[in-house]
């Protein structure tokens, strides 16, 4: 059985306050995009994990795919072993949610493979235990996320017919680095005020992480400017970086880009 975990971009990201539990209060719109990993599982005699594509750092037992399996096995006894293969295409530490997507899609695969018949709200509860972005990938539709990212609200923002250019310099930005130098504050306008009118996006649809991260990695600011020069009606860093994306009404030209990039229609099929 195989599924294809997809990436996301953030349309605006406000870091509003530091919480007592150590997390931050945020507001963002997460939007699914068609850049995919591939995750395959089959019933086997023992549980194994293999990976291909981009190298995955760290201990494989810390992978969200394994953590998702541990969560499921706490509540469901005597589940069979699985052979897991992940082909990694979504870069890590890039603000695209690839690891979170893998964990959430693993939950969906276990649900199907083991015939658990769990509804989405139940899977979202498991996903919230894996990470703040994980619940988004269960329904995998545009949502405004608040709290630490786990409170999801449907939004009608729609990029159908638009083009997206992703540029990733293969620069890994960790969470600690992203939050260093960031001062939480309330935004000038809420996302619900900004998102319905794309003419407001360039001025008001802000990713708060850009202010601190662009100082440390000025090449990211240059990439954002370059995407605007190529005709983007909006460009921003996704999540806590390092991917910069541009949104276009027509298919953009890619000439002059030295970094890794993808260009595709900004819609899921």
Protein backbone atom coordinates (compact mmCIF):
# COMPACT_ATOMS: atom_id res chain seq x y z
CA UNK A 1 0.00 0.00 0.00
CA UNK A 2 1.42 3.38 -0.99
CA UNK A 3 0.58 7.03 -0.37
CA UNK A 4 2.30 10.22 -1.49
CA UNK A 5 2.86 12.74 1.34
CA UNK A 6 2.86 16.25 -0.07
CA UNK A 7 4.46 19.51 0.97
CA UNK A 8 2.77 22.72 2.08
CA UNK A 9 3.51 26.41 1.96
CA UNK A 10 2.61 29.03 4.54
CA UNK A 11 0.59 32.01 3.38
CA UNK A 12 1.63 34.40 6.13
CA UNK A 13 2.99 33.33 9.50
CA UNK A 14 2.45 35.45 12.59
CA UNK A 15 4.26 34.58 15.82
CA UNK A 16 2.03 36.28 18.35
CA UNK A 17 3.22 35.24 21.82
CA UNK A 18 5.37 32.82 23.83
CA UNK A 19 3.25 30.24 25.64
CA UNK A 20 3.78 28.84 29.13
CA UNK A 21 4.21 25.34 27.67
CA UNK A 22 7.29 26.49 25.72
CA UNK A 23 5.54 26.70 22.37
CA UNK A 24 4.54 29.90 20.56
CA UNK A 25 1.08 31.17 19.73
CA UNK A 26 0.92 31.46 15.95
CA UNK A 27 -1.42 32.30 13.10
CA UNK A 28 -0.79 30.98 9.60
CA UNK A 29 -2.54 29.66 6.53
CA UNK A 30 -1.19 26.30 5.41
CA UNK A 31 -1.77 25.41 1.79
CA UNK A 32 -1.02 21.95 0.27
CA UNK A 33 1.14 21.86 -2.85
CA UNK A 34 1.99 19.04 -5.32
CA UNK A 35 5.57 18.24 -4.30
CA UNK A 36 5.62 14.67 -3.01
CA UNK A 37 7.48 12.04 -1.06
CA UNK A 38 6.44 8.40 -1.55
CA UNK A 39 5.60 6.21 1.45
CA UNK A 40 5.00 2.47 1.00
CA UNK A 41 4.10 -0.15 3.61
CA UNK A 42 3.47 -3.88 3.44
CA UNK A 43 2.70 -6.44 6.15
CA UNK A 44 5.88 -8.36 6.98
CA UNK A 45 7.46 -10.68 9.55
CA UNK A 46 9.28 -7.84 11.29
CA UNK A 47 9.15 -4.06 11.27
CA UNK A 48 11.83 -2.54 9.05
CA UNK A 49 12.49 0.88 7.55
CA UNK A 50 14.31 1.73 4.32
CA UNK A 51 14.79 5.11 2.69
CA UNK A 52 15.91 6.45 -0.67
CA UNK A 53 16.16 9.85 -2.28
CA UNK A 54 17.39 12.73 -0.12
CA UNK A 55 19.42 11.57 2.91
CA UNK A 56 17.53 11.67 6.21
CA UNK A 57 19.69 12.75 9.18
CA UNK A 58 19.37 11.38 12.70
CA UNK A 59 18.28 8.09 14.22
CA UNK A 60 15.55 6.37 12.21
CA UNK A 61 13.74 5.53 15.46
CA UNK A 62 13.21 9.29 15.95
CA UNK A 63 11.47 9.50 12.58
CA UNK A 64 7.82 10.58 12.83
CA UNK A 65 6.82 7.49 10.83
CA UNK A 66 8.07 5.29 13.68
CA UNK A 67 6.61 7.59 16.33
CA UNK A 68 3.23 7.34 14.58
CA UNK A 69 3.44 3.55 14.74
CA UNK A 70 4.25 3.66 18.47
CA UNK A 71 1.18 5.85 19.08
CA UNK A 72 -1.09 3.45 17.19
CA UNK A 73 0.33 0.40 18.99
CA UNK A 74 -0.37 1.94 22.41
CA UNK A 75 -4.09 1.68 21.72
CA UNK A 76 -4.29 -1.34 19.42
CA UNK A 77 -2.65 -4.55 20.59
CA UNK A 78 -1.05 -7.25 18.44
CA UNK A 79 -0.80 -5.24 15.25
CA UNK A 80 1.27 -6.96 12.55
CA UNK A 81 4.79 -5.89 11.63
CA UNK A 82 5.35 -3.67 8.59
CA UNK A 83 8.06 -3.14 6.02
CA UNK A 84 8.29 0.62 5.43
CA UNK A 85 9.96 2.38 2.52
CA UNK A 86 10.18 6.18 2.24
CA UNK A 87 11.41 7.88 -0.91
CA UNK A 88 12.36 11.40 0.18
CA UNK A 89 12.00 14.25 -2.30
CA UNK A 90 10.75 17.10 -0.08
CA UNK A 91 13.86 18.78 1.40
CA UNK A 92 14.19 18.88 5.19
CA UNK A 93 14.53 22.00 7.31
CA UNK A 94 13.00 23.86 4.40
CA UNK A 95 9.67 25.10 5.78
CA UNK A 96 7.70 22.73 3.53
CA UNK A 97 6.41 20.37 6.22
CA UNK A 98 7.82 17.23 4.63
CA UNK A 99 8.56 15.42 7.90
CA UNK A 100 5.16 16.36 9.32
CA UNK A 101 3.47 15.13 6.15
CA UNK A 102 5.33 11.81 6.36
CA UNK A 103 4.16 11.32 9.96
CA UNK A 104 0.54 12.22 9.19
CA UNK A 105 0.39 10.07 6.04
CA UNK A 106 1.93 7.20 8.03
CA UNK A 107 -1.04 7.43 10.39
CA UNK A 108 -3.39 7.25 7.40
CA UNK A 109 -1.51 4.26 5.99
CA UNK A 110 -1.58 2.37 9.31
CA UNK A 111 -5.29 3.12 9.55
CA UNK A 112 -5.90 1.60 6.12
CA UNK A 113 -3.38 -1.24 6.34
CA UNK A 114 -4.58 -2.46 9.74
CA UNK A 115 -8.31 -1.87 9.00
CA UNK A 116 -8.71 0.37 12.05
CA UNK A 117 -11.52 2.50 10.53
CA UNK A 118 -10.47 5.61 12.48
CA UNK A 119 -12.16 8.85 11.46
CA UNK A 120 -10.16 11.96 10.55
CA UNK A 121 -10.77 13.68 13.89
CA UNK A 122 -9.25 10.68 15.66
CA UNK A 123 -6.22 10.69 13.36
CA UNK A 124 -5.82 14.43 13.93
CA UNK A 125 -5.61 13.78 17.68
CA UNK A 126 -2.79 11.29 17.09
CA UNK A 127 -1.14 13.71 14.66
CA UNK A 128 -1.15 16.54 17.21
CA UNK A 129 0.95 14.31 19.47
CA UNK A 130 3.55 13.97 16.70
CA UNK A 131 4.00 17.68 15.92
CA UNK A 132 2.26 21.01 15.48
CA UNK A 133 1.99 20.83 11.67
CA UNK A 134 0.97 17.17 11.49
CA UNK A 135 -2.83 17.50 11.98
CA UNK A 136 -3.06 19.72 8.89
CA UNK A 137 -2.02 16.85 6.62
CA UNK A 138 -4.86 14.55 7.68
CA UNK A 139 -7.57 16.37 5.70
CA UNK A 140 -4.84 18.07 3.64
CA UNK A 141 -6.91 21.06 2.54
CA UNK A 142 -6.20 24.82 3.01
CA UNK A 143 -6.57 25.74 6.68
CA UNK A 144 -5.89 28.66 8.99
CA UNK A 145 -3.87 27.27 11.88
CA UNK A 146 -3.71 28.86 15.32
CA UNK A 147 -2.68 27.87 18.83
CA UNK A 148 0.68 26.16 18.37
CA UNK A 149 -0.54 25.14 14.91
CA UNK A 150 -2.92 22.35 15.89
CA UNK A 151 -6.16 24.40 15.87
CA UNK A 152 -7.40 24.27 12.28
CA UNK A 153 -10.12 26.30 10.60
CA UNK A 154 -11.32 25.88 7.03
CA UNK A 155 -10.55 28.76 4.69
CA UNK A 156 -11.75 29.31 1.13
CA UNK A 157 -8.42 30.69 -0.14
CA UNK A 158 -7.87 29.10 -3.56
CA UNK A 159 -4.81 29.21 -5.81
CA UNK A 160 -6.36 27.12 -8.57
CA UNK A 161 -5.03 28.23 -11.96
CA UNK A 162 -2.00 29.97 -10.39
CA UNK A 163 1.62 28.88 -10.75
CA UNK A 164 4.14 28.43 -7.98
CA UNK A 165 7.91 28.53 -8.10
CA UNK A 166 9.76 27.01 -5.15
CA UNK A 167 13.43 27.80 -4.70
CA UNK A 168 15.41 25.89 -2.09
CA UNK A 169 19.12 26.58 -1.54
CA UNK A 170 19.47 23.30 0.44
CA UNK A 171 20.06 25.34 3.57
CA UNK A 172 18.80 23.64 6.72
CA UNK A 173 17.30 26.02 9.28
CA UNK A 174 16.52 24.49 12.67
CA UNK A 175 13.70 25.57 14.95
CA UNK A 176 16.07 27.06 17.53
CA UNK A 177 17.80 29.19 14.91
CA UNK A 178 14.46 30.31 13.46
CA UNK A 179 13.13 31.60 16.78
CA UNK A 180 16.39 33.26 17.84
CA UNK A 181 16.08 37.01 17.46
CA UNK A 182 12.34 36.84 16.86
CA UNK A 183 10.12 39.11 18.97
CA UNK A 184 6.50 37.85 19.13
CA UNK A 185 3.87 40.49 18.44
CA UNK A 186 0.29 40.86 17.28
CA UNK A 187 -0.06 41.43 13.51
CA UNK A 188 -1.33 44.67 12.00
CA UNK A 189 -4.11 42.70 10.27
CA UNK A 190 -5.41 39.18 10.84
CA UNK A 191 -5.21 36.57 8.10
CA UNK A 192 -8.99 36.57 7.78
CA UNK A 193 -8.77 40.23 6.76
CA UNK A 194 -5.87 39.75 4.33
CA UNK A 195 -6.43 36.45 2.53
CA UNK A 196 -9.63 37.28 0.58
CA UNK A 197 -7.89 40.15 -1.28
CA UNK A 198 -4.64 39.20 -3.06
CA UNK A 199 -3.89 42.90 -3.68
CA UNK A 200 -3.15 43.14 0.07
CA UNK A 201 -0.78 40.20 0.16
CA UNK A 202 2.48 41.88 -0.79
CA UNK A 203 2.12 44.53 1.92
CA UNK A 204 0.32 42.70 4.72
CA UNK A 205 0.77 38.94 4.27
CA UNK A 206 3.94 38.69 6.34
CA UNK A 207 6.06 35.79 7.53
CA UNK A 208 7.50 37.01 10.84
CA UNK A 209 10.50 34.69 10.55
CA UNK A 210 11.82 36.61 7.55
CA UNK A 211 12.92 39.57 9.66
CA UNK A 212 15.37 37.54 11.74
CA UNK A 213 16.36 34.79 9.29
CA UNK A 214 17.08 37.17 6.38
CA UNK A 215 19.65 38.93 8.59
CA UNK A 216 21.47 35.64 9.14
CA UNK A 217 20.99 34.33 5.59
CA UNK A 218 20.77 37.38 3.28
CA UNK A 219 20.78 35.12 0.19
CA UNK A 220 17.18 34.23 1.05
CA UNK A 221 16.14 37.89 0.89
CA UNK A 222 17.86 38.11 -2.52
CA UNK A 223 15.95 35.07 -3.75
CA UNK A 224 12.66 36.64 -2.68
CA UNK A 225 13.51 39.83 -4.59
CA UNK A 226 14.50 37.74 -7.62
CA UNK A 227 11.10 36.02 -7.67
CA UNK A 228 9.35 39.39 -7.63
CA UNK A 229 11.54 40.48 -10.54
CA UNK A 230 10.29 37.42 -12.40
CA UNK A 231 6.72 38.69 -12.06
CA UNK A 232 5.40 37.09 -8.88
CA UNK A 233 2.29 38.75 -7.49
CA UNK A 234 3.42 37.44 -4.10
CA UNK A 235 6.64 35.94 -2.76
CA UNK A 236 7.63 34.81 0.73
CA UNK A 237 9.58 32.35 2.80
CA UNK A 238 7.62 29.24 3.74
CA UNK A 239 7.41 28.38 7.42
CA UNK A 240 10.67 28.91 9.24
CA UNK A 241 12.62 28.52 5.98
CA UNK A 242 14.66 28.07 3.97
CA UNK A 243 12.41 27.67 0.91
CA UNK A 244 11.32 30.84 -0.88
CA UNK A 245 8.28 30.66 -3.12
CA UNK A 246 6.65 32.93 -5.65
CA UNK A 247 3.05 32.87 -6.89
CA UNK A 248 2.31 33.76 -10.51
CA UNK A 249 -0.67 34.24 -12.80
CA UNK A 250 1.28 32.68 -15.69
CA UNK A 251 4.02 30.06 -15.86
CA UNK A 252 7.23 31.86 -14.78
CA UNK A 253 10.60 31.83 -16.49
CA UNK A 254 13.38 30.09 -14.56
CA UNK A 255 16.42 31.65 -16.25
CA UNK A 256 19.12 32.92 -13.90
CA UNK A 257 18.22 30.68 -10.98
CA UNK A 258 21.26 28.84 -9.66
CA UNK A 259 19.53 27.14 -6.74
CA UNK A 260 17.35 24.03 -6.78
CA UNK A 261 13.84 24.93 -7.89
CA UNK A 262 10.48 23.50 -8.91
CA UNK A 263 7.74 25.09 -11.01
CA UNK A 264 4.20 23.69 -11.12
CA UNK A 265 0.54 24.57 -10.93
CA UNK A 266 -0.27 25.60 -7.36
CA UNK A 267 -3.10 23.09 -6.94
CA UNK A 268 -3.56 19.52 -5.82
CA UNK A 269 -4.99 17.02 -8.32
